[in-house]
Amino acid sequence: MSDTQTVTTWYLEQTSPADLVPAREPESARGAADGGDGGAAGDGVRIVRAGVPSPEFSRFLYASVGADITWTDRLPWTYARWTAYLERPLVETWVAYENGTPAGFIELNGADSAQGDTEIAYFGLLPAFRGRRIGGHLLSYGVARAWDIAERWEGAAPAKRVWVHTCSKDGEHALANYRRRGFRVYRTETEQEPIVPTPGPWPGA
């Protein structure tokens, strides 16, 4: 039995806000602008920016969403490393809630580019919330926030490109989901990677 697997990674981009093709909102969906509460808890689906950097909360989202799709690169991060990353300008976490419960998140990172690129660093739903049209709404809302991210950071240059990468480990629908929102593939890579077990949300789960 081989201990490696073939993994394909796709890099996708939008080069104009007009490229975004929004998904239809789920019933009772409400989006929150920066500084708003997006509706009271229990008010259906709402999306809110996590305005206070919180390593505990961000690690919970990362570990819970990535538990069954082999997100492992940030699991060894220390508290200090999480804090330093989350406190960087142009790094934002937007969280989808359903009836007050975190359902998923989208993380934006415009800090690593001097050319006005904003990366969709992470995006996904907790397993229990998948297949309910929350993801398309969250992705649509998050991409729109990637395009207007400079409006929330004094002195930042307007975004010129929004990009993301996804791979075959992210699930059979991941690539199609990004394409439906108007992203175009600009690079594809294929390589052999070690087969590692999915981490689960916590040991033994």
N, C-alpha and C. Protein backbone atom coordinates (compact mmCIF):
# COMPACT_ATOMS: atom_id res chain seq x y z
N MET A 1 0.85 -1.20 0.00
CA MET A 1 0.00 0.00 0.00
C MET A 1 0.88 1.25 0.00
N SER A 2 0.58 2.18 -0.90
CA SER A 2 1.37 3.40 -0.99
C SER A 2 1.09 4.29 0.20
N ASP A 3 2.14 4.96 0.69
CA ASP A 3 1.95 5.90 1.79
C ASP A 3 1.96 7.34 1.30
N THR A 4 1.80 7.52 -0.01
CA THR A 4 1.68 8.85 -0.60
C THR A 4 0.42 8.92 -1.45
N GLN A 5 0.02 10.13 -1.76
CA GLN A 5 -1.15 10.35 -2.61
C GLN A 5 -0.87 11.50 -3.56
N THR A 6 -1.54 11.49 -4.70
CA THR A 6 -1.43 12.57 -5.66
C THR A 6 -2.39 13.69 -5.27
N VAL A 7 -1.85 14.87 -5.08
CA VAL A 7 -2.66 16.02 -4.68
C VAL A 7 -2.55 17.09 -5.75
N THR A 8 -3.68 17.54 -6.23
CA THR A 8 -3.73 18.63 -7.21
C THR A 8 -4.15 19.91 -6.51
N THR A 9 -3.40 20.97 -6.76
CA THR A 9 -3.71 22.29 -6.18
C THR A 9 -4.03 23.26 -7.29
N TRP A 10 -5.15 23.95 -7.13
CA TRP A 10 -5.57 24.95 -8.12
C TRP A 10 -5.46 26.35 -7.50
N TYR A 11 -4.89 27.27 -8.23
CA TYR A 11 -4.81 28.67 -7.84
C TYR A 11 -5.81 29.45 -8.68
N LEU A 12 -6.68 30.20 -8.02
CA LEU A 12 -7.75 30.91 -8.71
C LEU A 12 -7.72 32.38 -8.33
N GLU A 13 -8.29 33.22 -9.20
CA GLU A 13 -8.26 34.65 -8.95
C GLU A 13 -9.49 35.35 -9.52
N GLN A 14 -9.75 36.51 -8.96
CA GLN A 14 -10.63 37.52 -9.54
C GLN A 14 -9.80 38.78 -9.70
N THR A 15 -10.00 39.50 -10.78
CA THR A 15 -9.22 40.71 -11.02
C THR A 15 -10.08 41.97 -11.03
N SER A 16 -11.35 41.82 -10.70
CA SER A 16 -12.26 42.96 -10.62
C SER A 16 -13.41 42.59 -9.70
N PRO A 17 -13.93 43.56 -8.93
CA PRO A 17 -15.11 43.26 -8.12
C PRO A 17 -16.29 42.75 -8.94
N ALA A 18 -16.32 43.14 -10.22
CA ALA A 18 -17.41 42.70 -11.09
C ALA A 18 -17.34 41.21 -11.41
N ASP A 19 -16.20 40.57 -11.11
CA ASP A 19 -16.08 39.13 -11.35
C ASP A 19 -16.93 38.31 -10.38
N LEU A 20 -17.22 38.86 -9.22
CA LEU A 20 -17.95 38.11 -8.21
C LEU A 20 -19.38 37.81 -8.65
N VAL A 21 -19.73 36.54 -8.58
CA VAL A 21 -21.10 36.08 -8.87
C VAL A 21 -21.70 35.64 -7.54
N PRO A 22 -22.49 36.48 -6.90
CA PRO A 22 -22.99 36.13 -5.56
C PRO A 22 -23.93 34.93 -5.60
N ALA A 23 -23.87 34.14 -4.54
CA ALA A 23 -24.81 33.04 -4.37
C ALA A 23 -26.12 33.59 -3.81
N ARG A 24 -27.18 32.84 -3.99
CA ARG A 24 -28.45 33.22 -3.38
C ARG A 24 -28.35 33.01 -1.88
N GLU A 25 -28.84 33.97 -1.13
CA GLU A 25 -28.75 33.86 0.31
C GLU A 25 -29.68 32.78 0.84
N PRO A 26 -29.26 32.07 1.90
CA PRO A 26 -30.20 31.17 2.56
C PRO A 26 -31.29 31.97 3.25
N GLU A 27 -32.38 31.34 3.58
CA GLU A 27 -33.47 32.04 4.24
C GLU A 27 -32.99 32.64 5.55
N SER A 28 -33.45 33.83 5.83
CA SER A 28 -33.13 34.55 7.07
C SER A 28 -31.67 34.95 7.17
N ALA A 29 -30.95 34.97 6.03
CA ALA A 29 -29.55 35.38 6.07
C ALA A 29 -29.46 36.87 6.26
N ARG A 30 -28.49 37.28 7.10
CA ARG A 30 -28.24 38.70 7.31
C ARG A 30 -26.75 38.90 7.39
N GLY A 31 -26.21 39.84 6.62
CA GLY A 31 -24.78 40.14 6.67
C GLY A 31 -24.54 41.37 7.52
N ALA A 32 -23.44 41.38 8.24
CA ALA A 32 -23.11 42.51 9.09
C ALA A 32 -21.98 43.30 8.48
N ALA A 33 -22.17 44.60 8.33
CA ALA A 33 -21.07 45.46 7.94
C ALA A 33 -20.12 45.59 9.11
N ASP A 34 -18.90 46.02 8.83
CA ASP A 34 -17.92 46.18 9.90
C ASP A 34 -18.47 47.12 10.97
N GLY A 35 -18.47 46.64 12.20
CA GLY A 35 -18.98 47.44 13.29
C GLY A 35 -20.43 47.16 13.61
N GLY A 36 -21.14 46.42 12.75
CA GLY A 36 -22.53 46.07 13.04
C GLY A 36 -22.62 44.70 13.66
N ASP A 37 -23.81 44.39 14.22
CA ASP A 37 -23.94 43.10 14.87
C ASP A 37 -24.61 42.07 13.98
N GLY A 38 -25.14 42.52 12.81
CA GLY A 38 -25.68 41.57 11.86
C GLY A 38 -26.98 40.94 12.28
N GLY A 39 -27.63 41.46 13.30
CA GLY A 39 -28.88 40.86 13.73
C GLY A 39 -28.68 40.14 15.06
N ALA A 40 -29.75 39.98 15.77
CA ALA A 40 -29.66 39.35 17.08
C ALA A 40 -29.39 37.87 16.96
N ALA A 41 -28.79 37.30 18.00
CA ALA A 41 -28.58 35.86 18.03
C ALA A 41 -29.92 35.16 17.89
N GLY A 42 -29.95 34.09 17.13
CA GLY A 42 -31.19 33.40 16.87
C GLY A 42 -31.93 33.95 15.68
N ASP A 43 -31.33 34.87 14.96
CA ASP A 43 -31.97 35.53 13.83
C ASP A 43 -31.53 34.91 12.52
N GLY A 44 -31.54 33.58 12.42
CA GLY A 44 -31.16 32.91 11.19
C GLY A 44 -29.66 32.93 10.99
N VAL A 45 -29.24 33.09 9.71
CA VAL A 45 -27.82 33.11 9.36
C VAL A 45 -27.34 34.55 9.29
N ARG A 46 -26.25 34.85 9.96
CA ARG A 46 -25.66 36.19 9.91
C ARG A 46 -24.15 36.04 9.83
N ILE A 47 -23.49 37.05 9.30
CA ILE A 47 -22.04 37.03 9.14
C ILE A 47 -21.48 38.26 9.83
N VAL A 48 -20.50 38.03 10.70
CA VAL A 48 -19.97 39.09 11.54
C VAL A 48 -18.45 39.02 11.51
N ARG A 49 -17.81 40.17 11.47
CA ARG A 49 -16.36 40.21 11.58
C ARG A 49 -15.94 40.01 13.03
N ALA A 50 -14.96 39.15 13.24
CA ALA A 50 -14.37 38.98 14.57
C ALA A 50 -13.43 40.15 14.79
N GLY A 51 -13.91 41.18 15.44
CA GLY A 51 -13.17 42.44 15.55
C GLY A 51 -12.05 42.43 16.55
N VAL A 52 -12.05 41.48 17.48
CA VAL A 52 -10.99 41.38 18.49
C VAL A 52 -10.15 40.16 18.17
N PRO A 53 -8.85 40.32 17.89
CA PRO A 53 -8.01 39.14 17.61
C PRO A 53 -8.05 38.16 18.78
N SER A 54 -8.42 36.92 18.50
CA SER A 54 -8.55 35.91 19.56
C SER A 54 -7.95 34.61 19.08
N PRO A 55 -6.73 34.27 19.51
CA PRO A 55 -6.13 33.01 19.12
C PRO A 55 -7.00 31.80 19.47
N GLU A 56 -7.66 31.83 20.64
CA GLU A 56 -8.49 30.71 21.04
C GLU A 56 -9.63 30.49 20.04
N PHE A 57 -10.30 31.57 19.67
CA PHE A 57 -11.44 31.45 18.77
C PHE A 57 -10.99 31.07 17.36
N SER A 58 -9.93 31.71 16.88
CA SER A 58 -9.45 31.40 15.53
C SER A 58 -8.95 29.97 15.44
N ARG A 59 -8.29 29.49 16.48
CA ARG A 59 -7.82 28.10 16.45
C ARG A 59 -9.01 27.14 16.49
N PHE A 60 -10.04 27.48 17.26
CA PHE A 60 -11.26 26.66 17.27
C PHE A 60 -11.86 26.55 15.88
N LEU A 61 -11.99 27.69 15.19
CA LEU A 61 -12.56 27.67 13.84
C LEU A 61 -11.70 26.85 12.90
N TYR A 62 -10.40 27.09 12.94
CA TYR A 62 -9.48 26.39 12.05
C TYR A 62 -9.54 24.87 12.29
N ALA A 63 -9.43 24.46 13.56
CA ALA A 63 -9.39 23.03 13.87
C ALA A 63 -10.73 22.36 13.61
N SER A 64 -11.82 23.06 13.83
CA SER A 64 -13.14 22.45 13.67
C SER A 64 -13.53 22.32 12.20
N VAL A 65 -13.27 23.35 11.42
CA VAL A 65 -13.59 23.29 9.99
C VAL A 65 -12.65 22.32 9.28
N GLY A 66 -11.39 22.31 9.66
CA GLY A 66 -10.42 21.47 8.97
C GLY A 66 -10.27 20.07 9.52
N ALA A 67 -11.11 19.70 10.48
CA ALA A 67 -10.93 18.43 11.17
C ALA A 67 -10.98 17.23 10.25
N ASP A 68 -11.83 17.28 9.22
CA ASP A 68 -11.99 16.10 8.34
C ASP A 68 -11.41 16.31 6.95
N ILE A 69 -10.68 17.42 6.75
CA ILE A 69 -10.08 17.68 5.43
C ILE A 69 -8.59 17.98 5.55
N THR A 70 -7.99 17.49 6.60
CA THR A 70 -6.53 17.48 6.78
C THR A 70 -5.92 18.87 6.80
N TRP A 71 -6.57 19.80 7.51
CA TRP A 71 -5.91 21.07 7.79
C TRP A 71 -5.00 20.84 9.00
N THR A 72 -3.71 20.86 8.78
CA THR A 72 -2.77 20.55 9.86
C THR A 72 -1.67 21.58 10.03
N ASP A 73 -1.46 22.47 9.05
CA ASP A 73 -0.27 23.32 9.09
C ASP A 73 -0.27 24.29 10.27
N ARG A 74 -1.44 24.72 10.75
CA ARG A 74 -1.48 25.67 11.87
C ARG A 74 -1.66 25.01 13.22
N LEU A 75 -1.87 23.72 13.26
CA LEU A 75 -2.08 23.07 14.55
C LEU A 75 -0.90 23.24 15.50
N PRO A 76 0.36 23.27 15.01
CA PRO A 76 1.48 23.48 15.94
C PRO A 76 1.70 24.93 16.35
N TRP A 77 0.94 25.88 15.78
CA TRP A 77 1.19 27.29 16.09
C TRP A 77 1.05 27.54 17.59
N THR A 78 1.96 28.34 18.12
CA THR A 78 1.87 28.77 19.51
C THR A 78 0.85 29.91 19.65
N TYR A 79 0.49 30.18 20.89
CA TYR A 79 -0.40 31.31 21.16
C TYR A 79 0.20 32.61 20.64
N ALA A 80 1.49 32.77 20.84
CA ALA A 80 2.16 34.00 20.40
C ALA A 80 2.12 34.14 18.89
N ARG A 81 2.29 33.02 18.19
CA ARG A 81 2.26 33.10 16.73
C ARG A 81 0.87 33.42 16.23
N TRP A 82 -0.15 32.82 16.83
CA TRP A 82 -1.52 33.16 16.46
C TRP A 82 -1.77 34.66 16.69
N THR A 83 -1.37 35.14 17.84
CA THR A 83 -1.61 36.54 18.17
C THR A 83 -0.94 37.47 17.17
N ALA A 84 0.32 37.21 16.88
CA ALA A 84 1.06 38.06 15.95
C ALA A 84 0.41 38.07 14.57
N TYR A 85 -0.07 36.91 14.13
CA TYR A 85 -0.71 36.85 12.81
C TYR A 85 -2.04 37.62 12.81
N LEU A 86 -2.87 37.37 13.79
CA LEU A 86 -4.20 37.97 13.81
C LEU A 86 -4.16 39.48 14.02
N GLU A 87 -3.09 39.99 14.62
CA GLU A 87 -2.99 41.42 14.86
C GLU A 87 -2.41 42.19 13.68
N ARG A 88 -2.04 41.50 12.62
CA ARG A 88 -1.48 42.19 11.46
C ARG A 88 -2.56 43.02 10.76
N PRO A 89 -2.21 44.20 10.25
CA PRO A 89 -3.17 44.93 9.43
C PRO A 89 -3.58 44.11 8.21
N LEU A 90 -4.80 44.29 7.78
CA LEU A 90 -5.34 43.65 6.57
C LEU A 90 -5.51 42.13 6.74
N VAL A 91 -5.57 41.66 7.97
CA VAL A 91 -5.97 40.28 8.25
C VAL A 91 -7.32 40.35 8.96
N GLU A 92 -8.31 39.70 8.40
CA GLU A 92 -9.67 39.75 8.95
C GLU A 92 -10.27 38.35 8.97
N THR A 93 -11.07 38.09 9.99
CA THR A 93 -11.84 36.86 10.08
C THR A 93 -13.32 37.21 10.14
N TRP A 94 -14.07 36.67 9.19
CA TRP A 94 -15.52 36.86 9.15
C TRP A 94 -16.18 35.52 9.44
N VAL A 95 -17.11 35.53 10.40
CA VAL A 95 -17.70 34.29 10.90
C VAL A 95 -19.18 34.24 10.59
N ALA A 96 -19.63 33.11 10.05
CA ALA A 96 -21.05 32.87 9.83
C ALA A 96 -21.64 32.18 11.05
N TYR A 97 -22.76 32.69 11.51
CA TYR A 97 -23.48 32.10 12.63
C TYR A 97 -24.87 31.66 12.16
N GLU A 98 -25.32 30.53 12.63
CA GLU A 98 -26.70 30.13 12.41
C GLU A 98 -27.37 30.01 13.77
N ASN A 99 -28.37 30.85 13.98
CA ASN A 99 -29.07 30.88 15.26
C ASN A 99 -28.09 30.98 16.43
N GLY A 100 -27.08 31.84 16.25
CA GLY A 100 -26.14 32.12 17.32
C GLY A 100 -24.98 31.17 17.46
N THR A 101 -24.93 30.11 16.65
CA THR A 101 -23.86 29.11 16.72
C THR A 101 -22.90 29.30 15.57
N PRO A 102 -21.57 29.33 15.81
CA PRO A 102 -20.61 29.46 14.71
C PRO A 102 -20.77 28.31 13.71
N ALA A 103 -20.94 28.67 12.44
CA ALA A 103 -21.15 27.66 11.39
C ALA A 103 -19.95 27.55 10.47
N GLY A 104 -19.14 28.58 10.36
CA GLY A 104 -17.98 28.56 9.47
C GLY A 104 -17.33 29.92 9.45
N PHE A 105 -16.25 30.04 8.69
CA PHE A 105 -15.53 31.30 8.66
C PHE A 105 -14.81 31.47 7.32
N ILE A 106 -14.45 32.72 7.05
CA ILE A 106 -13.59 33.05 5.92
C ILE A 106 -12.54 34.03 6.44
N GLU A 107 -11.29 33.70 6.18
CA GLU A 107 -10.18 34.53 6.65
C GLU A 107 -9.54 35.24 5.46
N LEU A 108 -9.40 36.54 5.57
CA LEU A 108 -8.81 37.36 4.52
C LEU A 108 -7.42 37.81 4.94
N ASN A 109 -6.50 37.83 4.00
CA ASN A 109 -5.13 38.28 4.29
C ASN A 109 -4.64 39.15 3.15
N GLY A 110 -4.61 40.44 3.40
CA GLY A 110 -4.05 41.38 2.44
C GLY A 110 -2.70 41.89 2.87
N ALA A 111 -2.15 41.28 3.93
CA ALA A 111 -0.92 41.80 4.52
C ALA A 111 0.34 41.35 3.80
N ASP A 112 0.26 40.29 3.03
CA ASP A 112 1.47 39.70 2.45
C ASP A 112 1.73 40.15 1.01
N SER A 113 1.04 41.19 0.57
CA SER A 113 1.22 41.64 -0.80
C SER A 113 1.39 43.15 -0.85
N ALA A 114 2.37 43.60 -1.60
CA ALA A 114 2.55 45.03 -1.83
C ALA A 114 1.85 45.48 -3.11
N GLN A 115 1.22 44.52 -3.82
CA GLN A 115 0.59 44.80 -5.10
C GLN A 115 -0.93 44.93 -5.01
N GLY A 116 -1.46 44.93 -3.79
CA GLY A 116 -2.90 45.06 -3.65
C GLY A 116 -3.64 43.75 -3.79
N ASP A 117 -2.96 42.61 -3.57
CA ASP A 117 -3.62 41.31 -3.61
C ASP A 117 -4.21 40.99 -2.24
N THR A 118 -5.40 40.45 -2.22
CA THR A 118 -6.00 39.95 -0.99
C THR A 118 -6.25 38.46 -1.16
N GLU A 119 -5.72 37.68 -0.23
CA GLU A 119 -5.87 36.23 -0.30
C GLU A 119 -7.05 35.76 0.55
N ILE A 120 -7.84 34.83 0.01
CA ILE A 120 -8.77 34.07 0.83
C ILE A 120 -7.91 32.99 1.48
N ALA A 121 -7.42 33.26 2.68
CA ALA A 121 -6.46 32.36 3.31
C ALA A 121 -7.11 31.06 3.73
N TYR A 122 -8.29 31.15 4.32
CA TYR A 122 -9.05 29.96 4.72
C TYR A 122 -10.53 30.23 4.57
N PHE A 123 -11.26 29.20 4.22
CA PHE A 123 -12.71 29.30 4.09
C PHE A 123 -13.31 27.92 4.28
N GLY A 124 -14.38 27.84 5.04
CA GLY A 124 -15.05 26.55 5.18
C GLY A 124 -16.10 26.58 6.27
N LEU A 125 -16.86 25.49 6.33
CA LEU A 125 -17.92 25.33 7.31
C LEU A 125 -17.62 24.15 8.21
N LEU A 126 -18.11 24.22 9.45
CA LEU A 126 -18.08 23.05 10.29
C LEU A 126 -18.93 21.96 9.64
N PRO A 127 -18.55 20.70 9.79
CA PRO A 127 -19.24 19.63 9.06
C PRO A 127 -20.76 19.64 9.21
N ALA A 128 -21.28 19.95 10.38
CA ALA A 128 -22.72 19.89 10.60
C ALA A 128 -23.50 20.94 9.82
N PHE A 129 -22.80 21.96 9.29
CA PHE A 129 -23.49 23.05 8.61
C PHE A 129 -23.31 23.01 7.10
N ARG A 130 -22.66 21.98 6.59
CA ARG A 130 -22.47 21.87 5.14
C ARG A 130 -23.73 21.39 4.44
N GLY A 131 -23.84 21.75 3.16
CA GLY A 131 -24.97 21.31 2.36
C GLY A 131 -26.25 22.05 2.63
N ARG A 132 -26.17 23.22 3.25
CA ARG A 132 -27.37 23.99 3.60
C ARG A 132 -27.35 25.39 3.01
N ARG A 133 -26.50 25.59 2.00
CA ARG A 133 -26.41 26.85 1.25
C ARG A 133 -25.83 27.99 2.07
N ILE A 134 -25.25 27.67 3.22
CA ILE A 134 -24.58 28.70 4.00
C ILE A 134 -23.23 29.04 3.38
N GLY A 135 -22.55 28.02 2.84
CA GLY A 135 -21.21 28.22 2.31
C GLY A 135 -21.15 29.19 1.15
N GLY A 136 -22.08 29.06 0.21
CA GLY A 136 -22.09 29.97 -0.93
C GLY A 136 -22.32 31.40 -0.51
N HIS A 137 -23.21 31.58 0.45
CA HIS A 137 -23.49 32.92 0.97
C HIS A 137 -22.27 33.49 1.69
N LEU A 138 -21.63 32.67 2.53
CA LEU A 138 -20.45 33.12 3.26
C LEU A 138 -19.32 33.46 2.30
N LEU A 139 -19.09 32.62 1.30
CA LEU A 139 -18.04 32.90 0.34
C LEU A 139 -18.33 34.18 -0.44
N SER A 140 -19.57 34.36 -0.88
CA SER A 140 -19.93 35.58 -1.60
C SER A 140 -19.68 36.82 -0.75
N TYR A 141 -20.12 36.77 0.48
CA TYR A 141 -19.96 37.90 1.38
C TYR A 141 -18.49 38.16 1.67
N GLY A 142 -17.74 37.08 1.90
CA GLY A 142 -16.33 37.22 2.21
C GLY A 142 -15.52 37.78 1.06
N VAL A 143 -15.83 37.35 -0.16
CA VAL A 143 -15.11 37.87 -1.33
C VAL A 143 -15.42 39.36 -1.51
N ALA A 144 -16.66 39.74 -1.29
CA ALA A 144 -16.99 41.17 -1.35
C ALA A 144 -16.19 41.96 -0.32
N ARG A 145 -16.00 41.39 0.87
CA ARG A 145 -15.20 42.07 1.90
C ARG A 145 -13.72 42.08 1.54
N ALA A 146 -13.27 41.08 0.80
CA ALA A 146 -11.88 41.09 0.32
C ALA A 146 -11.67 42.25 -0.64
N TRP A 147 -12.66 42.51 -1.48
CA TRP A 147 -12.52 43.61 -2.44
C TRP A 147 -12.56 44.98 -1.76
N ASP A 148 -13.32 45.11 -0.67
CA ASP A 148 -13.38 46.44 -0.03
C ASP A 148 -12.58 46.51 1.27
N ILE A 149 -11.63 45.60 1.44
CA ILE A 149 -10.87 45.52 2.69
C ILE A 149 -10.13 46.82 3.01
N ALA A 150 -9.66 47.53 1.99
CA ALA A 150 -8.89 48.76 2.23
C ALA A 150 -9.73 49.83 2.90
N GLU A 151 -11.04 49.77 2.73
CA GLU A 151 -11.91 50.77 3.34
C GLU A 151 -11.90 50.68 4.87
N ARG A 152 -11.48 49.52 5.39
CA ARG A 152 -11.49 49.33 6.84
C ARG A 152 -10.10 49.49 7.47
N TRP A 153 -9.10 49.79 6.64
CA TRP A 153 -7.73 49.93 7.15
C TRP A 153 -7.14 51.23 6.64
N GLU A 154 -6.89 52.15 7.54
CA GLU A 154 -6.39 53.47 7.16
C GLU A 154 -5.06 53.36 6.43
N GLY A 155 -4.99 54.02 5.29
CA GLY A 155 -3.77 54.06 4.51
C GLY A 155 -3.55 52.88 3.59
N ALA A 156 -4.45 51.91 3.58
CA ALA A 156 -4.28 50.73 2.73
C ALA A 156 -4.65 51.05 1.29
N ALA A 157 -3.94 50.43 0.37
CA ALA A 157 -4.25 50.59 -1.05
C ALA A 157 -5.44 49.72 -1.42
N PRO A 158 -6.28 50.18 -2.34
CA PRO A 158 -7.43 49.37 -2.75
C PRO A 158 -6.99 48.02 -3.32
N ALA A 159 -7.79 47.00 -3.07
CA ALA A 159 -7.49 45.67 -3.59
C ALA A 159 -7.56 45.68 -5.12
N LYS A 160 -6.59 45.04 -5.73
CA LYS A 160 -6.56 44.91 -7.19
C LYS A 160 -6.84 43.48 -7.66
N ARG A 161 -6.68 42.53 -6.74
CA ARG A 161 -6.89 41.14 -7.09
C ARG A 161 -7.26 40.37 -5.82
N VAL A 162 -8.17 39.42 -5.96
CA VAL A 162 -8.50 38.50 -4.88
C VAL A 162 -8.18 37.10 -5.36
N TRP A 163 -7.42 36.36 -4.55
CA TRP A 163 -7.01 35.04 -5.01
C TRP A 163 -7.15 34.01 -3.89
N VAL A 164 -7.15 32.75 -4.29
CA VAL A 164 -7.33 31.66 -3.36
C VAL A 164 -6.70 30.42 -3.96
N HIS A 165 -6.29 29.49 -3.12
CA HIS A 165 -5.92 28.18 -3.65
C HIS A 165 -6.69 27.11 -2.90
N THR A 166 -7.02 26.06 -3.64
CA THR A 166 -7.71 24.92 -3.07
C THR A 166 -7.08 23.67 -3.66
N CYS A 167 -7.28 22.55 -3.00
CA CYS A 167 -6.66 21.33 -3.49
C CYS A 167 -7.64 20.17 -3.42
N SER A 168 -7.24 19.07 -4.00
CA SER A 168 -8.12 17.91 -4.09
C SER A 168 -8.44 17.30 -2.73
N LYS A 169 -7.69 17.65 -1.68
CA LYS A 169 -8.01 17.18 -0.34
C LYS A 169 -9.15 17.95 0.29
N ASP A 170 -9.50 19.12 -0.28
CA ASP A 170 -10.52 19.97 0.30
C ASP A 170 -11.94 19.50 0.02
N GLY A 171 -12.10 18.45 -0.75
CA GLY A 171 -13.44 17.95 -1.05
C GLY A 171 -13.77 18.08 -2.52
N GLU A 172 -14.68 17.24 -2.98
CA GLU A 172 -14.97 17.17 -4.41
C GLU A 172 -15.64 18.41 -4.97
N HIS A 173 -16.26 19.21 -4.11
CA HIS A 173 -16.99 20.38 -4.61
C HIS A 173 -16.23 21.69 -4.45
N ALA A 174 -15.05 21.66 -3.85
CA ALA A 174 -14.35 22.92 -3.52
C ALA A 174 -14.05 23.74 -4.76
N LEU A 175 -13.43 23.12 -5.76
CA LEU A 175 -13.06 23.87 -6.96
C LEU A 175 -14.29 24.44 -7.65
N ALA A 176 -15.34 23.64 -7.78
CA ALA A 176 -16.56 24.11 -8.44
C ALA A 176 -17.20 25.27 -7.67
N ASN A 177 -17.12 25.23 -6.34
CA ASN A 177 -17.70 26.31 -5.55
C ASN A 177 -17.03 27.64 -5.86
N TYR A 178 -15.71 27.64 -5.96
CA TYR A 178 -15.00 28.89 -6.27
C TYR A 178 -15.32 29.35 -7.69
N ARG A 179 -15.38 28.42 -8.61
CA ARG A 179 -15.70 28.80 -9.99
C ARG A 179 -17.10 29.39 -10.10
N ARG A 180 -18.03 28.87 -9.35
CA ARG A 180 -19.39 29.42 -9.40
C ARG A 180 -19.44 30.85 -8.89
N ARG A 181 -18.51 31.21 -8.03
CA ARG A 181 -18.48 32.59 -7.51
C ARG A 181 -17.67 33.52 -8.41
N GLY A 182 -17.19 33.03 -9.55
CA GLY A 182 -16.51 33.89 -10.52
C GLY A 182 -15.01 33.82 -10.51
N PHE A 183 -14.42 32.90 -9.75
CA PHE A 183 -12.97 32.74 -9.76
C PHE A 183 -12.53 31.95 -11.00
N ARG A 184 -11.34 32.29 -11.51
CA ARG A 184 -10.75 31.63 -12.67
C ARG A 184 -9.43 30.99 -12.28
N VAL A 185 -9.19 29.78 -12.76
CA VAL A 185 -7.94 29.09 -12.48
C VAL A 185 -6.82 29.74 -13.30
N TYR A 186 -5.71 30.07 -12.63
CA TYR A 186 -4.57 30.62 -13.36
C TYR A 186 -3.31 29.77 -13.21
N ARG A 187 -3.33 28.79 -12.31
CA ARG A 187 -2.21 27.86 -12.20
C ARG A 187 -2.67 26.57 -11.55
N THR A 188 -2.12 25.46 -12.01
CA THR A 188 -2.43 24.16 -11.45
C THR A 188 -1.13 23.42 -11.16
N GLU A 189 -1.04 22.81 -9.99
CA GLU A 189 0.14 22.03 -9.62
C GLU A 189 -0.30 20.66 -9.13
N THR A 190 0.50 19.65 -9.44
CA THR A 190 0.24 18.30 -8.97
C THR A 190 1.51 17.73 -8.37
N GLU A 191 1.39 17.15 -7.18
CA GLU A 191 2.55 16.56 -6.53
C GLU A 191 2.13 15.41 -5.63
N GLN A 192 3.10 14.62 -5.25
CA GLN A 192 2.87 13.52 -4.31
C GLN A 192 3.07 14.03 -2.88
N GLU A 193 2.14 13.70 -2.01
CA GLU A 193 2.24 14.10 -0.62
C GLU A 193 2.03 12.89 0.28
N PRO A 194 2.63 12.89 1.46
CA PRO A 194 2.40 11.79 2.39
C PRO A 194 0.93 11.71 2.79
N ILE A 195 0.44 10.50 2.98
CA ILE A 195 -0.91 10.32 3.49
C ILE A 195 -0.85 10.44 5.01
N VAL A 196 -1.60 11.42 5.53
CA VAL A 196 -1.65 11.61 6.98
C VAL A 196 -3.11 11.52 7.41
N PRO A 197 -3.37 11.05 8.62
CA PRO A 197 -4.76 10.96 9.08
C PRO A 197 -5.36 12.34 9.29
N THR A 198 -6.67 12.43 9.09
CA THR A 198 -7.34 13.69 9.39
C THR A 198 -7.26 13.93 10.90
N PRO A 199 -7.02 15.18 11.31
CA PRO A 199 -6.72 15.43 12.72
C PRO A 199 -7.92 15.28 13.65
N GLY A 200 -9.14 15.48 13.13
CA GLY A 200 -10.29 15.51 14.01
C GLY A 200 -10.31 16.80 14.81
N PRO A 201 -11.46 17.15 15.41
CA PRO A 201 -11.53 18.40 16.17
C PRO A 201 -10.75 18.35 17.47
N TRP A 202 -10.54 17.16 18.03
CA TRP A 202 -9.71 16.97 19.21
C TRP A 202 -9.33 15.48 19.29
N PRO A 203 -8.30 15.14 19.99
CA PRO A 203 -7.86 13.74 20.05
C PRO A 203 -8.98 12.82 20.52
N GLY A 204 -9.19 11.75 19.74
CA GLY A 204 -10.18 10.76 20.11
C GLY A 204 -11.57 11.02 19.58
N ALA A 205 -11.80 12.19 18.98
CA ALA A 205 -13.13 12.48 18.47
C ALA A 205 -13.40 11.68 17.21
